[in-house]
Protein backbone atom coordinates (compact mmCIF):
# COMPACT_ATOMS: atom_id res chain seq x y z
CA UNK A 1 -6.80 -14.36 11.14
CA UNK A 2 -6.27 -12.95 14.63
CA UNK A 3 -9.37 -13.09 16.88
CA UNK A 4 -9.75 -10.51 19.61
CA UNK A 5 -9.77 -11.74 23.21
CA UNK A 6 -11.60 -10.12 26.19
CA UNK A 7 -8.73 -7.69 26.84
CA UNK A 8 -8.69 -6.54 23.24
CA UNK A 9 -12.45 -5.95 23.29
CA UNK A 10 -12.30 -4.08 26.54
CA UNK A 11 -9.58 -1.76 25.21
CA UNK A 12 -11.72 -0.92 22.21
CA UNK A 13 -14.78 -0.22 24.32
CA UNK A 14 -12.88 2.07 26.63
CA UNK A 15 -11.24 3.82 23.63
CA UNK A 16 -14.67 4.51 22.10
CA UNK A 17 -16.04 5.85 25.45
CA UNK A 18 -12.99 8.11 25.79
CA UNK A 19 -13.23 9.58 22.34
CA UNK A 20 -16.98 10.04 22.64
CA UNK A 21 -16.38 12.25 25.64
CA UNK A 22 -13.61 14.20 23.95
CA UNK A 23 -15.70 14.77 20.89
CA UNK A 24 -18.67 16.00 22.92
CA UNK A 25 -16.50 18.39 24.87
CA UNK A 26 -15.05 19.74 21.60
CA UNK A 27 -18.51 20.23 20.00
CA UNK A 28 -19.67 22.10 23.19
CA UNK A 29 -16.65 24.39 23.00
CA UNK A 30 -14.97 23.04 26.08
CA UNK A 31 -11.92 21.83 24.13
CA UNK A 32 -10.00 24.06 21.82
CA UNK A 33 -8.98 23.15 18.32
CA UNK A 34 -5.39 22.81 19.45
CA UNK A 35 -6.30 20.60 22.39
CA UNK A 36 -8.58 18.41 20.26
CA UNK A 37 -6.00 18.06 17.43
CA UNK A 38 -3.79 15.36 19.03
CA UNK A 39 -6.79 13.53 20.43
CA UNK A 40 -8.52 13.20 17.00
CA UNK A 41 -5.28 12.29 15.27
CA UNK A 42 -4.69 9.48 17.75
CA UNK A 43 -8.14 8.15 16.54
CA UNK A 44 -7.42 8.49 12.86
CA UNK A 45 -9.56 11.70 12.31
CA UNK A 46 -8.41 14.31 9.86
CA UNK A 47 -9.98 17.48 8.70
CA UNK A 48 -9.80 17.42 4.97
CA UNK A 49 -10.65 19.93 2.21
CA UNK A 50 -14.43 19.30 2.26
CA UNK A 51 -15.21 17.18 5.30
CA UNK A 52 -13.65 15.11 8.07
CA UNK A 53 -11.78 12.00 6.99
CA UNK A 54 -11.61 8.85 9.13
CA UNK A 55 -8.89 6.26 8.55
CA UNK A 56 -9.62 2.75 9.72
CA UNK A 57 -6.80 0.38 10.52
CA UNK A 58 -6.54 -2.80 8.48
CA UNK A 59 -3.54 -4.53 10.07
CA UNK A 60 -1.30 -6.14 7.41
CA UNK A 61 -4.22 -5.79 5.01
CA UNK A 62 -6.45 -8.65 6.23
CA UNK A 63 -10.23 -8.38 6.39
CA UNK A 64 -12.96 -10.90 7.04
CA UNK A 65 -16.22 -11.03 5.24
CA UNK A 66 -17.95 -10.00 8.47
CA UNK A 67 -15.79 -6.87 8.59
CA UNK A 68 -16.42 -6.10 4.93
CA UNK A 69 -20.24 -6.15 5.55
CA UNK A 70 -19.82 -3.82 8.46
CA UNK A 71 -17.73 -1.45 6.30
CA UNK A 72 -20.50 -1.60 3.76
CA UNK A 73 -23.16 -0.64 6.28
CA UNK A 74 -21.00 2.12 7.75
CA UNK A 75 -20.44 3.54 4.28
CA UNK A 76 -24.23 3.68 3.84
CA UNK A 77 -25.19 4.97 7.26
CA UNK A 78 -22.32 7.37 8.03
CA UNK A 79 -20.84 8.28 4.66
CA UNK A 80 -21.91 8.65 1.00
CA UNK A 81 -22.07 4.98 0.21
CA UNK A 82 -18.44 4.25 -0.51
CA UNK A 83 -14.98 4.14 1.08
CA UNK A 84 -11.41 4.24 -0.11
CA UNK A 85 -8.51 1.70 0.09
CA UNK A 86 -5.20 3.46 0.83
CA UNK A 87 -1.63 2.49 -0.25
CA UNK A 88 -1.00 1.45 3.34
CA UNK A 89 -3.75 -1.19 3.17
CA UNK A 90 -6.08 0.82 5.35
CA UNK A 91 -9.76 2.07 4.75
CA UNK A 92 -10.73 5.71 4.65
CA UNK A 93 -14.16 7.31 4.90
CA UNK A 94 -14.12 10.76 3.32
CA UNK A 95 -17.48 12.16 4.34
CA UNK A 96 -18.46 11.31 7.96
CA UNK A 97 -19.90 13.91 10.21
CA UNK A 98 -17.84 14.74 13.25
CA UNK A 99 -20.73 14.24 15.71
CA UNK A 100 -21.43 10.64 14.39
CA UNK A 101 -17.81 9.40 14.56
CA UNK A 102 -17.96 8.01 18.17
CA UNK A 103 -20.94 5.87 17.11
CA UNK A 104 -19.16 4.85 13.96
CA UNK A 105 -16.16 3.73 16.10
CA UNK A 106 -18.49 1.75 18.32
CA UNK A 107 -19.80 -0.11 15.26
CA UNK A 108 -16.27 -0.82 14.17
CA UNK A 109 -15.37 -2.22 17.51
CA UNK A 110 -18.25 -4.80 17.20
CA UNK A 111 -16.31 -6.49 14.41
CA UNK A 112 -12.81 -6.06 15.88
CA UNK A 113 -11.86 -2.98 13.97
CA UNK A 114 -10.67 0.44 15.05
CA UNK A 115 -8.82 3.63 14.03
CA UNK A 116 -6.16 3.64 16.80
CA UNK A 117 -2.78 4.97 15.59
CA UNK A 118 -3.76 5.42 11.96
CA UNK A 119 -2.53 9.00 12.35
CA UNK A 120 -0.38 11.12 14.62
CA UNK A 121 3.29 10.82 15.62
CA UNK A 122 3.16 7.20 16.67
CA UNK A 123 3.81 3.69 15.30
CA UNK A 124 1.36 3.36 12.43
CA UNK A 125 -0.39 0.32 11.02
CA UNK A 126 1.98 -2.52 10.42
CA UNK A 127 1.95 -3.51 6.71
CA UNK A 128 2.90 -6.67 4.91
CA UNK A 129 2.72 -8.78 1.77
CA UNK A 130 -0.88 -9.08 0.52
CA UNK A 131 0.07 -12.68 -0.50
CA UNK A 132 1.41 -13.66 2.96
CA UNK A 133 0.72 -17.27 3.70
CA UNK A 134 -0.05 -18.30 0.12
CA UNK A 135 2.76 -16.96 -2.08
CA UNK A 136 4.75 -19.51 -3.88
CA UNK A 137 7.98 -17.65 -3.20
CA UNK A 138 7.29 -17.31 0.53
CA UNK A 139 9.88 -18.58 2.97
CA UNK A 140 8.00 -17.81 6.19
CA UNK A 141 4.56 -16.35 6.84
CA UNK A 142 5.08 -12.82 8.24
CA UNK A 143 1.55 -12.29 9.55
CA UNK A 144 2.13 -13.73 13.05
CA UNK A 145 5.03 -11.37 13.55
CA UNK A 146 2.98 -8.49 12.13
CA UNK A 147 0.30 -9.19 14.74
CA UNK A 148 2.89 -9.50 17.57
CA UNK A 149 4.36 -6.13 16.62
CA UNK A 150 0.83 -4.64 16.31
CA UNK A 151 -0.03 -5.76 19.80
CA UNK A 152 3.28 -4.56 21.25
CA UNK A 153 3.01 -1.15 19.61
CA UNK A 154 -0.72 -0.36 20.15
CA UNK A 155 -1.06 2.42 22.73
CA UNK A 156 2.56 1.87 23.82
CA UNK A 157 2.96 4.72 26.33
CA UNK A 158 6.59 5.41 25.54
CA UNK A 159 6.02 5.81 21.84
CA UNK A 160 2.76 7.71 21.74
CA UNK A 161 4.41 11.09 20.86
CA UNK A 162 7.41 10.41 18.67
CA UNK A 163 9.12 13.08 16.71
CA UNK A 164 7.13 12.08 13.60
CA UNK A 165 5.02 9.22 12.31
CA UNK A 166 6.71 5.81 12.26
CA UNK A 167 6.06 2.90 9.83
CA UNK A 168 7.01 -0.79 10.06
CA UNK A 169 6.68 -3.37 7.25
CA UNK A 170 7.44 -7.10 7.36
CA UNK A 171 8.00 -9.53 4.48
CA UNK A 172 8.72 -13.26 4.42
CA UNK A 173 9.11 -13.84 0.67
CA UNK A 174 11.93 -13.54 -1.84
CA UNK A 175 10.00 -10.85 -3.79
CA UNK A 176 9.29 -7.72 -1.76
CA UNK A 177 5.58 -6.97 -2.12
CA UNK A 178 5.61 -4.80 1.02
CA UNK A 179 8.27 -2.20 0.04
CA UNK A 180 10.09 -2.94 3.29
CA UNK A 181 13.07 -0.85 2.34
CA UNK A 182 11.04 2.35 2.17
CA UNK A 183 9.77 2.16 5.76
CA UNK A 184 11.30 3.48 8.98
CA UNK A 185 11.93 -0.16 9.85
CA UNK A 186 11.71 -2.99 7.25
CA UNK A 187 12.00 -6.59 8.45
CA UNK A 188 12.77 -9.43 6.10
CA UNK A 189 12.21 -12.85 7.72
CA UNK A 190 14.78 -15.55 6.98
CA UNK A 191 16.19 -18.79 8.21
CA UNK A 192 19.81 -19.80 8.40
CA UNK A 193 22.16 -22.01 10.51
CA UNK A 194 21.36 -19.73 13.46
CA UNK A 195 17.64 -20.43 13.23
CA UNK A 196 14.88 -18.06 12.34
CA UNK A 197 15.27 -14.30 12.47
CA UNK A 198 15.18 -11.01 10.66
CA UNK A 199 17.29 -8.90 8.38
CA UNK A 200 16.62 -5.43 9.68
CA UNK A 201 16.54 -2.33 7.48
CA UNK A 202 16.26 1.14 8.95
CA UNK A 203 15.80 4.73 7.77
CA UNK A 204 13.79 4.23 4.66
CA UNK A 205 10.91 6.49 3.63
CA UNK A 206 9.22 8.41 0.83
CA UNK A 207 7.72 11.98 1.19
CA UNK A 208 9.76 14.99 0.21
CA UNK A 209 13.02 13.13 0.70
CA UNK A 210 12.64 9.59 -0.59
CA UNK A 211 15.40 7.44 0.80
CA UNK A 212 16.14 3.70 0.57
CA UNK A 213 16.74 2.05 3.90
CA UNK A 214 20.15 1.04 5.15
CA UNK A 215 20.92 -2.46 6.40
CA UNK A 216 21.13 -2.26 10.16
CA UNK A 217 21.54 -5.84 11.14
CA UNK A 218 22.02 -8.86 8.87
CA UNK A 219 20.42 -11.33 11.35
CA UNK A 220 18.38 -10.66 14.46
CA UNK A 221 17.11 -13.75 16.24
CA UNK A 222 13.33 -13.83 16.44
CA UNK A 223 13.28 -13.94 20.16
CA UNK A 224 14.87 -10.50 20.30
CA UNK A 225 12.52 -8.79 17.85
CA UNK A 226 10.60 -6.63 20.36
CA UNK A 227 13.61 -5.53 22.47
CA UNK A 228 15.54 -4.58 19.25
CA UNK A 229 12.58 -2.57 17.93
CA UNK A 230 12.37 -0.83 21.32
CA UNK A 231 16.04 0.12 21.15
CA UNK A 232 15.63 1.68 17.72
CA UNK A 233 12.54 3.59 18.75
CA UNK A 234 14.12 4.84 21.96
CA UNK A 235 17.15 6.30 20.07
CA UNK A 236 14.84 7.87 17.59
CA UNK A 237 12.57 9.26 20.32
CA UNK A 238 15.51 10.76 22.09
CA UNK A 239 17.51 12.13 19.24
CA UNK A 240 15.03 12.66 16.36
CA UNK A 241 14.39 16.35 15.60
CA UNK A 242 11.33 17.97 17.06
CA UNK A 243 12.05 21.53 15.91
CA UNK A 244 11.25 20.89 12.24
CA UNK A 245 8.65 18.39 11.09
CA UNK A 246 10.15 18.19 7.64
CA UNK A 247 13.42 16.89 9.21
CA UNK A 248 11.88 14.78 11.98
CA UNK A 249 11.59 11.37 10.34
CA UNK A 250 13.96 8.59 11.30
CA UNK A 251 15.48 8.55 7.80
CA UNK A 252 16.81 12.06 8.44
CA UNK A 253 18.40 11.05 11.72
CA UNK A 254 20.04 8.03 10.18
CA UNK A 255 21.38 9.93 7.28
CA UNK A 256 22.72 12.71 9.62
CA UNK A 257 24.27 10.27 11.97
CA UNK A 258 25.58 7.77 9.46
CA UNK A 259 24.52 4.17 9.50
CA UNK A 260 27.70 2.94 11.27
CA UNK A 261 27.33 5.45 14.13
CA UNK A 262 23.61 4.89 14.29
CA UNK A 263 24.12 1.05 14.47
CA UNK A 264 26.49 1.62 17.39
CA UNK A 265 23.92 3.66 19.28
CA UNK A 266 21.30 1.00 18.78
CA UNK A 267 23.67 -1.76 19.89
CA UNK A 268 24.51 0.09 23.07
CA UNK A 269 20.88 0.75 23.93
CA UNK A 270 19.85 -2.79 23.01
CA UNK A 271 22.53 -4.38 25.21
CA UNK A 272 21.46 -2.08 28.01
CA UNK A 273 17.78 -3.18 27.89
CA UNK A 274 17.94 -6.66 26.42
CA UNK A 275 18.31 -8.67 29.65
CA UNK A 276 15.38 -6.74 31.25
CA UNK A 277 13.03 -6.90 28.20
CA UNK A 278 10.70 -9.89 27.69
CA UNK A 279 11.89 -12.20 24.89
CA UNK A 280 9.45 -13.52 22.30
CA UNK A 281 8.97 -17.01 23.66
CA UNK A 282 8.45 -19.98 21.30
CA UNK A 283 5.15 -20.65 22.90
CA UNK A 284 3.86 -17.12 22.24
CA UNK A 285 5.04 -17.33 18.62
CA UNK A 286 3.38 -20.74 18.13
CA UNK A 287 0.18 -19.47 19.60
CA UNK A 288 0.13 -16.58 17.28
CA UNK A 289 0.91 -18.83 14.28
CA UNK A 290 -2.14 -20.87 15.14
CA UNK A 291 -4.31 -17.95 14.20
CA UNK A 292 -2.85 -18.02 10.72
CA UNK A 293 -2.91 -21.73 10.02
CA UNK A 294 -3.85 -22.84 6.59
CA UNK A 295 -7.58 -23.18 5.72
CA UNK A 296 -9.15 -26.49 4.81
CA UNK A 297 -7.85 -26.81 1.27
CA UNK A 298 -9.39 -29.47 -0.97
CA UNK A 299 -7.40 -32.07 -2.65
CA UNK A 300 -8.01 -31.19 -6.35
CA UNK A 301 -7.45 -33.05 -9.55
CA UNK A 302 -4.99 -30.49 -10.79
CA UNK A 303 -4.35 -32.03 -14.19
CA UNK A 304 -8.08 -32.17 -15.02
CA UNK A 305 -8.72 -28.63 -13.82
CA UNK A 306 -5.76 -27.16 -15.57
CA UNK A 307 -6.72 -29.04 -18.74
CA UNK A 308 -10.21 -27.55 -18.70
CA UNK A 309 -8.78 -23.99 -18.14
CA UNK A 310 -6.40 -24.64 -21.05
CA UNK A 311 -9.32 -25.80 -23.23
CA UNK A 312 -11.26 -22.64 -22.38
CA UNK A 313 -8.41 -20.31 -23.29
CA UNK A 314 -6.78 -22.02 -26.30
CA UNK A 315 -9.69 -23.06 -28.57
CA UNK A 316 -11.18 -20.66 -31.10
CA UNK A 317 -12.27 -18.06 -28.65
CA UNK A 318 -15.48 -16.06 -28.45
CA UNK A 319 -15.11 -12.43 -27.19
CA UNK A 320 -16.18 -13.54 -23.67
CA UNK A 321 -13.60 -16.32 -23.66
CA UNK A 322 -10.92 -13.83 -24.75
CA UNK A 323 -11.83 -11.59 -21.89
CA UNK A 324 -11.67 -14.48 -19.45
CA UNK A 325 -8.17 -15.49 -20.80
CA UNK A 326 -6.90 -11.88 -20.33
CA UNK A 327 -8.28 -11.79 -16.77
CA UNK A 328 -6.76 -15.27 -16.02
CA UNK A 329 -3.42 -14.08 -17.27
CA UNK A 330 -3.29 -10.71 -15.56
CA UNK A 331 -5.42 -11.05 -12.38
CA UNK A 332 -4.58 -14.49 -11.06
CA UNK A 333 -1.33 -15.69 -9.66
CA UNK A 334 0.53 -18.87 -8.53
CA UNK A 335 -0.44 -20.31 -5.17
CA UNK A 336 1.65 -22.53 -2.88
CA UNK A 337 -1.01 -25.25 -2.94
CA UNK A 338 -1.42 -27.09 -6.23
CA UNK A 339 -4.89 -26.49 -7.74
CA UNK A 340 -5.36 -23.02 -6.13
CA UNK A 341 -4.72 -19.52 -7.42
CA UNK A 342 -4.57 -16.04 -5.94
CA UNK A 343 -7.10 -13.61 -7.58
CA UNK A 344 -6.86 -9.84 -7.58
CA UNK A 345 -10.14 -7.93 -7.84
CA UNK A 346 -9.21 -4.81 -9.73
CA UNK A 347 -10.61 -1.50 -8.41
CA UNK A 348 -9.33 0.34 -11.44
CA UNK A 349 -12.01 0.49 -14.06
CA UNK A 350 -11.60 3.67 -16.15
CA UNK A 351 -13.51 6.62 -14.67
CA UNK A 352 -13.49 5.35 -11.03
CA UNK A 353 -10.99 6.82 -8.58
CA UNK A 354 -8.36 4.22 -7.71
CA UNK A 355 -9.21 2.33 -4.61
CA UNK A 356 -12.78 3.54 -4.22
CA UNK A 357 -15.33 0.85 -3.49
CA UNK A 358 -19.06 1.20 -2.91
CA UNK A 359 -21.22 -0.35 -0.22
CA UNK A 360 -22.75 -2.65 -2.80
CA UNK A 361 -19.33 -3.77 -3.95
CA UNK A 362 -18.12 -4.31 -0.41
CA UNK A 363 -21.12 -6.56 0.14
CA UNK A 364 -20.33 -8.38 -3.07
CA UNK A 365 -16.65 -8.88 -2.07
CA UNK A 366 -17.82 -10.36 1.19
CA UNK A 367 -20.08 -12.82 -0.70
CA UNK A 368 -17.22 -13.68 -3.10
CA UNK A 369 -14.86 -14.29 -0.19
CA UNK A 370 -17.32 -16.54 1.60
CA UNK A 371 -18.02 -18.56 -1.52
CA UNK A 372 -14.59 -18.83 -3.03
CA UNK A 373 -11.84 -17.84 -0.49
CA UNK A 374 -12.58 -19.07 2.99
CA UNK A 375 -14.26 -15.80 4.05
CA UNK A 376 -11.10 -13.62 3.92
CA UNK A 377 -9.57 -10.98 1.66
CA UNK A 378 -6.45 -8.74 1.66
CA UNK A 379 -6.03 -5.13 0.61
CA UNK A 380 -2.99 -4.12 -1.30
CA UNK A 381 -0.57 -1.27 -1.66
CA UNK A 382 -1.90 -0.89 -5.21
CA UNK A 383 -5.36 -0.26 -3.85
CA UNK A 384 -6.89 -3.49 -5.06
CA UNK A 385 -8.34 -6.47 -3.18
CA UNK A 386 -6.94 -10.07 -3.23
CA UNK A 387 -8.90 -13.30 -2.79
CA UNK A 388 -6.00 -15.47 -1.60
CA UNK A 389 -7.31 -18.99 -1.79
CA UNK A 390 -9.38 -19.64 -4.93
CA UNK A 391 -9.69 -23.19 -6.24
CA UNK A 392 -8.76 -23.24 -9.93
CA UNK A 393 -11.96 -25.09 -10.67
CA UNK A 394 -13.91 -22.02 -9.46
CA UNK A 395 -12.05 -19.44 -11.56
CA UNK A 396 -14.57 -19.15 -14.49
CA UNK A 397 -17.53 -19.00 -12.05
CA UNK A 398 -15.73 -16.40 -9.92
CA UNK A 399 -14.95 -14.33 -13.03
CA UNK A 400 -18.60 -14.35 -14.13
CA UNK A 401 -19.80 -13.33 -10.69
CA UNK A 402 -17.10 -10.61 -10.13
CA UNK A 403 -17.74 -9.17 -13.62
CA UNK A 404 -21.24 -8.08 -12.47
CA UNK A 405 -19.69 -5.73 -9.98
CA UNK A 406 -16.87 -4.21 -12.06
CA UNK A 407 -14.02 -6.16 -10.55
CA UNK A 408 -12.60 -7.85 -13.69
CA UNK A 409 -10.56 -5.12 -15.40
CA UNK A 410 -7.72 -7.29 -16.70
CA UNK A 411 -5.05 -4.72 -15.95
CA UNK A 412 -3.22 -5.86 -12.88
CA UNK A 413 0.46 -5.04 -13.08
CA UNK A 414 -0.01 -2.89 -16.23
CA UNK A 415 0.35 0.90 -16.61
CA UNK A 416 -3.45 1.36 -16.28
CA UNK A 417 -3.48 -0.28 -12.85
CA UNK A 418 -2.68 3.22 -11.65
CA UNK A 419 -2.07 3.89 -7.96
CA UNK A 420 -3.41 7.32 -7.01
CA UNK A 421 -3.92 9.40 -3.88
CA UNK A 422 -7.14 11.37 -3.40
CA UNK A 423 -5.22 14.54 -4.25
CA UNK A 424 -6.66 18.01 -4.48
CA UNK A 425 -10.23 16.72 -4.86
CA UNK A 426 -10.18 15.80 -1.14
CA UNK A 427 -6.88 16.40 0.58
CA UNK A 428 -6.06 19.76 2.18
CA UNK A 429 -2.36 19.12 1.81
CA UNK A 430 -2.40 18.42 -2.00
CA UNK A 431 -0.85 20.85 -4.41
CA UNK A 432 -2.71 19.35 -7.40
CA UNK A 433 -5.41 16.95 -8.35
CA UNK A 434 -4.54 13.32 -8.95
CA UNK A 435 -7.78 11.58 -9.85
CA UNK A 436 -8.46 13.43 -13.16
CA UNK A 437 -4.94 12.85 -14.32
CA UNK A 438 -5.18 9.15 -13.70
CA UNK A 439 -8.40 8.88 -15.60
CA UNK A 440 -6.98 10.88 -18.53
CA UNK A 441 -4.07 8.39 -18.75
CA UNK A 442 -6.35 5.48 -18.66
CA UNK A 443 -8.53 6.92 -21.51
CA UNK A 444 -5.45 7.77 -23.51
CA UNK A 445 -4.19 4.21 -23.28
CA UNK A 446 -7.36 2.16 -23.83
CA UNK A 447 -5.86 -0.20 -26.30
CA UNK A 448 -5.15 -3.12 -24.00
CA UNK A 449 -3.20 -5.11 -26.65
CA UNK A 450 -0.69 -2.16 -26.62
CA UNK A 451 -0.76 -1.97 -22.83
CA UNK A 452 -0.06 -5.68 -22.58
CA UNK A 453 2.78 -5.43 -25.09
CA UNK A 454 4.46 -2.89 -22.72
CA UNK A 455 4.74 -5.62 -20.08
CA UNK A 456 4.97 -5.11 -16.33
CA UNK A 457 4.85 -1.30 -15.69
CA UNK A 458 3.85 0.58 -12.61
CA UNK A 459 2.48 4.10 -12.75
CA UNK A 460 1.68 6.09 -9.52
CA UNK A 461 0.33 9.62 -9.01
CA UNK A 462 0.70 11.71 -5.84
CA UNK A 463 -0.82 15.16 -5.42
CA UNK A 464 1.84 16.43 -3.12
CA UNK A 465 5.33 15.74 -1.71
CA UNK A 466 3.90 13.51 1.03
CA UNK A 467 3.91 10.79 -1.62
CA UNK A 468 0.89 8.86 -0.43
CA UNK A 469 0.69 7.08 -3.82
CA UNK A 470 4.42 6.07 -3.56
CA UNK A 471 5.24 7.75 -6.85
CA UNK A 472 8.97 7.85 -5.98
CA UNK A 473 9.22 4.03 -6.21
CA UNK A 474 7.14 3.62 -9.44
CA UNK A 475 8.53 2.85 -12.82
CA UNK A 476 6.76 6.02 -13.86
CA UNK A 477 5.91 8.43 -11.08
CA UNK A 478 3.90 11.65 -11.35
CA UNK A 479 3.99 14.33 -8.60
CA UNK A 480 1.58 17.26 -8.44
CA UNK A 481 3.27 20.56 -7.82
CA UNK A 482 2.13 24.19 -7.36
CA UNK A 483 3.60 26.72 -9.82
CA UNK A 484 2.33 30.17 -8.70
CA UNK A 485 -1.12 28.90 -8.06
CA UNK A 486 -1.34 26.62 -11.11
CA UNK A 487 -1.26 22.86 -11.08
CA UNK A 488 1.68 21.18 -12.82
CA UNK A 489 3.10 17.70 -12.77
CA UNK A 490 6.67 16.33 -12.47
CA UNK A 491 7.58 13.04 -14.04
CA UNK A 492 9.93 10.61 -12.37
CA UNK A 493 11.37 7.50 -14.04
CA UNK A 494 13.16 4.37 -12.72
CA UNK A 495 11.65 3.77 -9.27
CA UNK A 496 11.22 0.23 -8.12
CA UNK A 497 10.66 -1.55 -4.85
CA UNK A 498 9.83 -5.18 -5.69
CA UNK A 499 13.38 -6.52 -5.93
CA UNK A 500 14.80 -6.84 -2.46
CA UNK A 501 18.34 -6.72 -3.82
CA UNK A 502 18.12 -3.46 -5.74
CA UNK A 503 15.19 -1.20 -4.80
CA UNK A 504 15.57 2.24 -6.50
CA UNK A 505 14.18 5.79 -6.10
CA UNK A 506 13.01 7.33 -9.32
CA UNK A 507 14.61 10.47 -10.74
CA UNK A 508 12.84 13.57 -11.99
CA UNK A 509 13.23 13.65 -15.77
CA UNK A 510 12.88 17.41 -16.22
CA UNK A 511 10.53 20.41 -16.03
CA UNK A 512 6.93 19.83 -15.10
CA UNK A 513 3.90 19.63 -17.47
CA UNK A 514 0.29 20.80 -17.30
CA UNK A 515 -2.35 18.27 -16.51
CA UNK A 516 -3.62 18.37 -20.07
CA UNK A 517 -0.22 17.38 -21.45
CA UNK A 518 0.59 14.55 -19.11
CA UNK A 519 -0.99 11.80 -21.26
CA UNK A 520 1.00 12.91 -24.31
CA UNK A 521 4.25 13.16 -22.27
CA UNK A 522 3.68 9.53 -21.09
CA UNK A 523 3.04 8.49 -24.69
CA UNK A 524 6.39 9.92 -25.75
CA UNK A 525 8.14 8.09 -22.89
CA UNK A 526 6.54 4.84 -23.95
CA UNK A 527 7.47 5.46 -27.58
CA UNK A 528 11.17 5.64 -26.56
CA UNK A 529 10.80 2.50 -24.51
CA UNK A 530 9.29 0.51 -27.30
CA UNK A 531 11.88 1.85 -29.75
CA UNK A 532 14.91 1.16 -27.51
CA UNK A 533 14.08 -2.13 -25.77
CA UNK A 534 15.73 -5.34 -26.60
CA UNK A 535 13.41 -8.33 -27.02
CA UNK A 536 12.06 -9.36 -23.65
CA UNK A 537 13.38 -6.35 -21.86
CA UNK A 538 11.08 -4.62 -19.34
CA UNK A 539 10.67 -0.87 -18.93
CA UNK A 540 12.68 -0.79 -15.72
CA UNK A 541 15.47 -2.80 -17.39
CA UNK A 542 15.61 -0.30 -20.20
CA UNK A 543 15.90 2.59 -17.69
CA UNK A 544 18.68 0.69 -15.87
CA UNK A 545 20.58 0.06 -19.17
CA UNK A 546 20.22 3.44 -20.88
CA UNK A 547 19.44 5.91 -18.09
CA UNK A 548 17.17 8.91 -18.54
CA UNK A 549 18.99 10.56 -21.48
CA UNK A 550 17.01 9.04 -24.33
CA UNK A 551 13.71 9.96 -22.61
CA UNK A 552 14.82 13.48 -21.86
CA UNK A 553 15.98 14.06 -25.39
CA UNK A 554 12.53 12.99 -26.65
CA UNK A 555 10.54 15.07 -24.08
CA UNK A 556 12.75 18.18 -24.18
CA UNK A 557 14.55 18.38 -27.54
CA UNK A 558 17.00 21.30 -27.37
CA UNK A 559 14.94 22.47 -24.29
CA UNK A 560 12.14 23.25 -26.72
CA UNK A 561 8.44 22.58 -26.12
CA UNK A 562 7.52 21.21 -29.44
CA UNK A 563 7.52 17.50 -29.15
CA UNK A 564 6.77 14.61 -31.51
CA UNK A 565 4.89 11.40 -30.82
CA UNK A 566 3.69 8.97 -33.43
CA UNK A 567 4.56 11.49 -36.19
CA UNK A 568 2.08 14.02 -34.67
CA UNK A 569 3.50 17.39 -33.71
CA UNK A 570 2.16 18.85 -30.50
CA UNK A 571 3.13 21.78 -28.20
CA UNK A 572 3.17 20.71 -24.60
CA UNK A 573 2.74 23.04 -21.71
CA UNK A 574 6.12 22.44 -20.14
CA UNK A 575 6.85 24.64 -17.22
CA UNK A 576 10.59 25.42 -17.70
């Protein structure tokens, strides 16, 4: 992974010193709330419902074991012994004291971490595929380009006060694990007869107006990446709305302008600046790629290792062997190197808020990474952690070790692998709680044989229209809404982001439900799916084939509120 040089380290030291002075002046009353607001946001500091919240940047989701241990010590010394992994691959501390944050930032800087541009109207943390560099379907490793964009955008003086926040995602695989078409700019790396370059998508986003991005350019040579990004941002900075924050995102400008007209504006600006803007030189790209070279993989006897795994999971199985088999099936994935697997450590045991991880667990992950995965991990959009380079011969040993710390819930990619924002329990913007609803669903669907039979199925819950849990692009999305002071929940069906050819935004199925009735409503939806599916058909394929009508008819028969599921009649609290 990228290693900071002297310039990087100096920048962080100066930033810490600067914010220490700003914080002290605010605490002494020499800076007003309004004056302090943009300063703290530029350093990732929010004021939440109960306490300050500090968001730490994890560029493209990569963390070293050294950084994990530092996060563990910070969570003990400055917080309540845990932190939270966000859907943008960052880390959040929910309970730091304002007066201690400058010292916290200093400690982060000691391990090449910071909070710069994790908030505010600027270019946010660049996100990517958590399997970058190891995925079997990868064409080109996107991480060097993510780092080049991160360095270019960090404290860029021209783009420090954009009309609204700005998000960039980069993918280099055939499957989109970075949701690039739901970002302000999404870049898909490709190679063709013209060389290496990018397919550029623009104007995507979630929030109160979820929009799939438009294709802006089918091929952009890699040398022109930064100048082209600059052209897009300049047009947005000049023409994006500043009078209404709800209409200030790039997606609104693109939709209002039209993609053809917007593309013309970008081309004009790009041609104007391109000859005067530094190109990405091959030497610079090669130097950055050296930071992400492959680790020292062993040459493994693949046939013997796979034979042993097969023996462990196909003989007459004891309960522990069955548990290992389920974990092996759900939580490990194909690797580009024969004899290796990717392993996802689940942070979704029932009763624990999605993405929360304690100081003891952070230390354990660091130890597991050192022992089994070359000292590195990746955070994911789904709020889990990936060990990217695990030898297949170590899988049983890793499973036994990870089991002690609660990381082996065999639910990755299932409906109980719920993505969930902090919601009304923490966030001042939330309309409703998310965490209790997620737990209620997990408890309702505790029969894992049934859950496995459902197949791949994503379920995401957001506590407000900001859509931090990405509910709009989930197979089943749940949105908390306020109804005259009461918490209710809309259900959306049919969202998907993984297929680069046909990403979709989910559609609201009908009137909202009370929190108590959400698990039963989900049960009815799943009953319809199981009844209507053709053998081998996934949930999203059934939605695509049949639309929402069968699900609406089951949930709202004749617009009534008496629903049936599994032959049991129940009155749901539908808010019509």
